[in-house]
Amino acid sequence: MRFLADENISLHTVKKLKEIGLDTLSVRKLCPGLSDSKIIAETITQKRILITTDKDFGFWVLRRK
């Protein structure tokens, strides 16, 4: 599985996911401040699963499909 961790996911969590062999990237390390719409676009483009605690992403998924 391939994951993209939003900025609100700690780098410690990202490190632990990598340690157990999961392909995980961090928005915090790659491009801090990236907008939600660009994070979703990157998630789709890179075929990753988004890990976030940001409830705003529900709007993008449910309303914008």
PDB file of N, CA and C in Angstrom:
ATOM      1  N   MET A   1       0.843  -1.181   0.000  1.00  0.00           N
ATOM      2  CA  MET A   1       0.000   0.000   0.000  1.00  0.00           C
ATOM      3  C   MET A   1       0.885   1.239   0.000  1.00  0.00           C
ATOM      4  N   ARG A   2       0.360   2.274  -0.621  1.00  0.00           N
ATOM      5  CA  ARG A   2       1.101   3.537  -0.734  1.00  0.00           C
ATOM      6  C   ARG A   2       0.276   4.635  -0.045  1.00  0.00           C
ATOM      7  N   PHE A   3       0.922   5.371   0.835  1.00  0.00           N
ATOM      8  CA  PHE A   3       0.225   6.387   1.614  1.00  0.00           C
ATOM      9  C   PHE A   3       0.831   7.770   1.410  1.00  0.00           C
ATOM     10  N   LEU A   4      -0.012   8.785   1.584  1.00  0.00           N
ATOM     11  CA  LEU A   4       0.432  10.180   1.645  1.00  0.00           C
ATOM     12  C   LEU A   4      -0.109  10.734   2.951  1.00  0.00           C
ATOM     13  N   ALA A   5       0.791  11.125   3.848  1.00  0.00           N
ATOM     14  CA  ALA A   5       0.412  11.649   5.155  1.00  0.00           C
ATOM     15  C   ALA A   5       0.295  13.172   5.084  1.00  0.00           C
ATOM     16  N   ASP A   6      -0.858  13.671   5.457  1.00  0.00           N
ATOM     17  CA  ASP A   6      -1.101  15.110   5.495  1.00  0.00           C
ATOM     18  C   ASP A   6      -0.187  15.759   6.542  1.00  0.00           C
ATOM     19  N   GLU A   7      -0.113  17.078   6.522  1.00  0.00           N
ATOM     20  CA  GLU A   7       0.761  17.805   7.455  1.00  0.00           C
ATOM     21  C   GLU A   7       0.389  17.576   8.918  1.00  0.00           C
ATOM     22  N   ASN A   8      -0.866  17.224   9.179  1.00  0.00           N
ATOM     23  CA  ASN A   8      -1.282  17.040  10.570  1.00  0.00           C
ATOM     24  C   ASN A   8      -0.938  15.652  11.115  1.00  0.00           C
ATOM     25  N   ILE A   9      -0.292  14.852  10.314  1.00  0.00           N
ATOM     26  CA  ILE A   9       0.187  13.537  10.762  1.00  0.00           C
ATOM     27  C   ILE A   9       1.659  13.694  11.159  1.00  0.00           C
ATOM     28  N   SER A  10       1.974  13.263  12.364  1.00  0.00           N
ATOM     29  CA  SER A  10       3.333  13.482  12.880  1.00  0.00           C
ATOM     30  C   SER A  10       4.380  12.735  12.059  1.00  0.00           C
ATOM     31  N   LEU A  11       5.572  13.304  12.037  1.00  0.00           N
ATOM     32  CA  LEU A  11       6.679  12.650  11.350  1.00  0.00           C
ATOM     33  C   LEU A  11       7.054  11.345  12.047  1.00  0.00           C
ATOM     34  N   HIS A  12       6.792  11.259  13.328  1.00  0.00           N
ATOM     35  CA  HIS A  12       7.014  10.014  14.069  1.00  0.00           C
ATOM     36  C   HIS A  12       6.121   8.904  13.501  1.00  0.00           C
ATOM     37  N   THR A  13       4.875   9.222  13.240  1.00  0.00           N
ATOM     38  CA  THR A  13       3.945   8.252  12.660  1.00  0.00           C
ATOM     39  C   THR A  13       4.415   7.827  11.273  1.00  0.00           C
ATOM     40  N   VAL A  14       4.820   8.803  10.471  1.00  0.00           N
ATOM     41  CA  VAL A  14       5.319   8.502   9.123  1.00  0.00           C
ATOM     42  C   VAL A  14       6.536   7.577   9.219  1.00  0.00           C
ATOM     43  N   LYS A  15       7.426   7.868  10.135  1.00  0.00           N
ATOM     44  CA  LYS A  15       8.629   7.047  10.323  1.00  0.00           C
ATOM     45  C   LYS A  15       8.250   5.611  10.695  1.00  0.00           C
ATOM     46  N   LYS A  16       7.307   5.454  11.611  1.00  0.00           N
ATOM     47  CA  LYS A  16       6.883   4.119  12.034  1.00  0.00           C
ATOM     48  C   LYS A  16       6.253   3.343  10.878  1.00  0.00           C
ATOM     49  N   LEU A  17       5.447   4.016  10.052  1.00  0.00           N
ATOM     50  CA  LEU A  17       4.846   3.361   8.894  1.00  0.00           C
ATOM     51  C   LEU A  17       5.928   2.877   7.934  1.00  0.00           C
ATOM     52  N   LYS A  18       6.947   3.713   7.731  1.00  0.00           N
ATOM     53  CA  LYS A  18       8.058   3.318   6.862  1.00  0.00           C
ATOM     54  C   LYS A  18       8.825   2.136   7.455  1.00  0.00           C
ATOM     55  N   GLU A  19       9.010   2.150   8.776  1.00  0.00           N
ATOM     56  CA  GLU A  19       9.743   1.076   9.443  1.00  0.00           C
ATOM     57  C   GLU A  19       9.073  -0.286   9.272  1.00  0.00           C
ATOM     58  N   ILE A  20       7.746  -0.291   9.163  1.00  0.00           N
ATOM     59  CA  ILE A  20       7.065  -1.576   8.983  1.00  0.00           C
ATOM     60  C   ILE A  20       6.879  -1.910   7.504  1.00  0.00           C
ATOM     61  N   GLY A  21       7.521  -1.100   6.658  1.00  0.00           N
ATOM     62  CA  GLY A  21       7.573  -1.429   5.240  1.00  0.00           C
ATOM     63  C   GLY A  21       6.501  -0.807   4.362  1.00  0.00           C
ATOM     64  N   LEU A  22       5.780   0.174   4.882  1.00  0.00           N
ATOM     65  CA  LEU A  22       4.750   0.830   4.078  1.00  0.00           C
ATOM     66  C   LEU A  22       5.327   2.044   3.344  1.00  0.00           C
ATOM     67  N   ASP A  23       5.047   2.145   2.075  1.00  0.00           N
ATOM     68  CA  ASP A  23       5.503   3.247   1.229  1.00  0.00           C
ATOM     69  C   ASP A  23       4.718   4.498   1.627  1.00  0.00           C
ATOM     70  N   THR A  24       5.340   5.360   2.413  1.00  0.00           N
ATOM     71  CA  THR A  24       4.646   6.516   2.979  1.00  0.00           C
ATOM     72  C   THR A  24       5.433   7.793   2.732  1.00  0.00           C
ATOM     73  N   LEU A  25       4.747   8.802   2.182  1.00  0.00           N
ATOM     74  CA  LEU A  25       5.324  10.128   1.989  1.00  0.00           C
ATOM     75  C   LEU A  25       4.617  11.105   2.907  1.00  0.00           C
ATOM     76  N   SER A  26       5.308  12.177   3.254  1.00  0.00           N
ATOM     77  CA  SER A  26       4.747  13.195   4.141  1.00  0.00           C
ATOM     78  C   SER A  26       4.647  14.538   3.430  1.00  0.00           C
ATOM     79  N   VAL A  27       3.457  15.116   3.439  1.00  0.00           N
ATOM     80  CA  VAL A  27       3.267  16.461   2.881  1.00  0.00           C
ATOM     81  C   VAL A  27       4.131  17.446   3.653  1.00  0.00           C
ATOM     82  N   ARG A  28       4.238  17.242   4.957  1.00  0.00           N
ATOM     83  CA  ARG A  28       5.029  18.132   5.816  1.00  0.00           C
ATOM     84  C   ARG A  28       6.478  18.213   5.350  1.00  0.00           C
ATOM     85  N   LYS A  29       7.029  17.092   4.868  1.00  0.00           N
ATOM     86  CA  LYS A  29       8.418  17.079   4.411  1.00  0.00           C
ATOM     87  C   LYS A  29       8.551  17.463   2.942  1.00  0.00           C
ATOM     88  N   LEU A  30       7.579  17.069   2.117  1.00  0.00           N
ATOM     89  CA  LEU A  30       7.685  17.291   0.675  1.00  0.00           C
ATOM     90  C   LEU A  30       7.338  18.712   0.259  1.00  0.00           C
ATOM     91  N   CYS A  31       6.181  19.198   0.660  1.00  0.00           N
ATOM     92  CA  CYS A  31       5.728  20.538   0.256  1.00  0.00           C
ATOM     93  C   CYS A  31       4.762  21.098   1.299  1.00  0.00           C
ATOM     94  N   PRO A  32       5.293  21.571   2.414  1.00  0.00           N
ATOM     95  CA  PRO A  32       4.437  22.136   3.454  1.00  0.00           C
ATOM     96  C   PRO A  32       3.587  23.292   2.918  1.00  0.00           C
ATOM     97  N   GLY A  33       2.361  23.365   3.397  1.00  0.00           N
ATOM     98  CA  GLY A  33       1.472  24.447   2.986  1.00  0.00           C
ATOM     99  C   GLY A  33       0.678  24.150   1.730  1.00  0.00           C
ATOM    100  N   LEU A  34       0.803  22.951   1.197  1.00  0.00           N
ATOM    101  CA  LEU A  34       0.073  22.570  -0.010  1.00  0.00           C
ATOM    102  C   LEU A  34      -1.433  22.617   0.258  1.00  0.00           C
ATOM    103  N   SER A  35      -2.187  23.157  -0.678  1.00  0.00           N
ATOM    104  CA  SER A  35      -3.639  23.277  -0.495  1.00  0.00           C
ATOM    105  C   SER A  35      -4.302  21.903  -0.514  1.00  0.00           C
ATOM    106  N   ASP A  36      -5.491  21.822   0.088  1.00  0.00           N
ATOM    107  CA  ASP A  36      -6.221  20.557   0.127  1.00  0.00           C
ATOM    108  C   ASP A  36      -6.475  20.005  -1.270  1.00  0.00           C
ATOM    109  N   SER A  37      -6.843  20.864  -2.195  1.00  0.00           N
ATOM    110  CA  SER A  37      -7.138  20.391  -3.548  1.00  0.00           C
ATOM    111  C   SER A  37      -5.890  19.812  -4.221  1.00  0.00           C
ATOM    112  N   LYS A  38      -4.736  20.405  -3.960  1.00  0.00           N
ATOM    113  CA  LYS A  38      -3.498  19.879  -4.543  1.00  0.00           C
ATOM    114  C   LYS A  38      -3.064  18.584  -3.855  1.00  0.00           C
ATOM    115  N   ILE A  39      -3.337  18.476  -2.571  1.00  0.00           N
ATOM    116  CA  ILE A  39      -3.037  17.231  -1.859  1.00  0.00           C
ATOM    117  C   ILE A  39      -3.880  16.102  -2.440  1.00  0.00           C
ATOM    118  N   ILE A  40      -5.151  16.360  -2.679  1.00  0.00           N
ATOM    119  CA  ILE A  40      -6.021  15.344  -3.269  1.00  0.00           C
ATOM    120  C   ILE A  40      -5.543  14.988  -4.672  1.00  0.00           C
ATOM    121  N   ALA A  41      -5.172  15.983  -5.447  1.00  0.00           N
ATOM    122  CA  ALA A  41      -4.676  15.727  -6.805  1.00  0.00           C
ATOM    123  C   ALA A  41      -3.426  14.855  -6.762  1.00  0.00           C
ATOM    124  N   GLU A  42      -2.515  15.138  -5.856  1.00  0.00           N
ATOM    125  CA  GLU A  42      -1.294  14.337  -5.728  1.00  0.00           C
ATOM    126  C   GLU A  42      -1.611  12.917  -5.272  1.00  0.00           C
ATOM    127  N   THR A  43      -2.555  12.805  -4.357  1.00  0.00           N
ATOM    128  CA  THR A  43      -2.955  11.488  -3.872  1.00  0.00           C
ATOM    129  C   THR A  43      -3.478  10.636  -5.023  1.00  0.00           C
ATOM    130  N   ILE A  44      -4.300  11.233  -5.862  1.00  0.00           N
ATOM    131  CA  ILE A  44      -4.863  10.517  -7.008  1.00  0.00           C
ATOM    132  C   ILE A  44      -3.773  10.204  -8.037  1.00  0.00           C
ATOM    133  N   THR A  45      -2.974  11.203  -8.375  1.00  0.00           N
ATOM    134  CA  THR A  45      -1.921  11.033  -9.375  1.00  0.00           C
ATOM    135  C   THR A  45      -0.939   9.933  -8.977  1.00  0.00           C
ATOM    136  N   GLN A  46      -0.558   9.931  -7.711  1.00  0.00           N
ATOM    137  CA  GLN A  46       0.431   8.962  -7.230  1.00  0.00           C
ATOM    138  C   GLN A  46      -0.195   7.633  -6.778  1.00  0.00           C
ATOM    139  N   LYS A  47      -1.520   7.553  -6.891  1.00  0.00           N
ATOM    140  CA  LYS A  47      -2.256   6.335  -6.487  1.00  0.00           C
ATOM    141  C   LYS A  47      -1.920   5.955  -5.046  1.00  0.00           C
ATOM    142  N   ARG A  48      -2.127   6.929  -4.148  1.00  0.00           N
ATOM    143  CA  ARG A  48      -1.855   6.746  -2.725  1.00  0.00           C
ATOM    144  C   ARG A  48      -3.149   6.871  -1.931  1.00  0.00           C
ATOM    145  N   ILE A  49      -3.100   6.447  -0.701  1.00  0.00           N
ATOM    146  CA  ILE A  49      -4.201   6.611   0.247  1.00  0.00           C
ATOM    147  C   ILE A  49      -3.821   7.760   1.162  1.00  0.00           C
ATOM    148  N   LEU A  50      -4.717   8.716   1.313  1.00  0.00           N
ATOM    149  CA  LEU A  50      -4.443   9.885   2.154  1.00  0.00           C
ATOM    150  C   LEU A  50      -4.707   9.553   3.615  1.00  0.00           C
ATOM    151  N   ILE A  51      -3.738   9.903   4.450  1.00  0.00           N
ATOM    152  CA  ILE A  51      -3.904   9.791   5.901  1.00  0.00           C
ATOM    153  C   ILE A  51      -4.003  11.210   6.436  1.00  0.00           C
ATOM    154  N   THR A  52      -5.108  11.525   7.084  1.00  0.00           N
ATOM    155  CA  THR A  52      -5.317  12.878   7.595  1.00  0.00           C
ATOM    156  C   THR A  52      -6.284  12.863   8.769  1.00  0.00           C
ATOM    157  N   THR A  53      -6.239  13.923   9.560  1.00  0.00           N
ATOM    158  CA  THR A  53      -7.251  14.130  10.596  1.00  0.00           C
ATOM    159  C   THR A  53      -8.077  15.369  10.259  1.00  0.00           C
ATOM    160  N   ASP A  54      -7.856  15.929   9.096  1.00  0.00           N
ATOM    161  CA  ASP A  54      -8.522  17.137   8.629  1.00  0.00           C
ATOM    162  C   ASP A  54      -9.904  16.783   8.079  1.00  0.00           C
ATOM    163  N   LYS A  55     -10.936  17.243   8.734  1.00  0.00           N
ATOM    164  CA  LYS A  55     -12.307  16.918   8.337  1.00  0.00           C
ATOM    165  C   LYS A  55     -12.737  17.611   7.049  1.00  0.00           C
ATOM    166  N   ASP A  56     -11.995  18.611   6.597  1.00  0.00           N
ATOM    167  CA  ASP A  56     -12.333  19.307   5.355  1.00  0.00           C
ATOM    168  C   ASP A  56     -12.255  18.391   4.140  1.00  0.00           C
ATOM    169  N   PHE A  57     -11.480  17.330   4.224  1.00  0.00           N
ATOM    170  CA  PHE A  57     -11.354  16.434   3.083  1.00  0.00           C
ATOM    171  C   PHE A  57     -12.668  15.705   2.805  1.00  0.00           C
ATOM    172  N   GLY A  58     -13.498  15.558   3.817  1.00  0.00           N
ATOM    173  CA  GLY A  58     -14.822  14.961   3.591  1.00  0.00           C
ATOM    174  C   GLY A  58     -15.632  15.762   2.582  1.00  0.00           C
ATOM    175  N   PHE A  59     -15.512  17.076   2.643  1.00  0.00           N
ATOM    176  CA  PHE A  59     -16.194  17.948   1.682  1.00  0.00           C
ATOM    177  C   PHE A  59     -15.739  17.618   0.265  1.00  0.00           C
ATOM    178  N   TRP A  60     -14.441  17.490   0.083  1.00  0.00           N
ATOM    179  CA  TRP A  60     -13.904  17.231  -1.263  1.00  0.00           C
ATOM    180  C   TRP A  60     -14.374  15.864  -1.777  1.00  0.00           C
ATOM    181  N   VAL A  61     -14.382  14.905  -0.914  1.00  0.00           N
ATOM    182  CA  VAL A  61     -14.746  13.559  -1.353  1.00  0.00           C
ATOM    183  C   VAL A  61     -16.245  13.439  -1.615  1.00  0.00           C
ATOM    184  N   LEU A  62     -17.054  13.933  -0.702  1.00  0.00           N
ATOM    185  CA  LEU A  62     -18.499  13.762  -0.837  1.00  0.00           C
ATOM    186  C   LEU A  62     -19.156  14.767  -1.772  1.00  0.00           C
ATOM    187  N   ARG A  63     -18.715  15.991  -1.726  1.00  0.00           N
ATOM    188  CA  ARG A  63     -19.369  17.038  -2.507  1.00  0.00           C
ATOM    189  C   ARG A  63     -18.817  17.169  -3.924  1.00  0.00           C
ATOM    190  N   ARG A  64     -17.518  17.000  -4.050  1.00  0.00           N
ATOM    191  CA  ARG A  64     -16.873  17.210  -5.347  1.00  0.00           C
ATOM    192  C   ARG A  64     -16.596  15.934  -6.107  1.00  0.00           C
ATOM    193  N   LYS A  65     -16.756  14.825  -5.427  1.00  0.00           N
ATOM    194  CA  LYS A  65     -16.557  13.498  -6.009  1.00  0.00           C
ATOM    195  C   LYS A  65     -15.188  13.373  -6.625  1.00  0.00           C
TER     196      LYS A  65
END
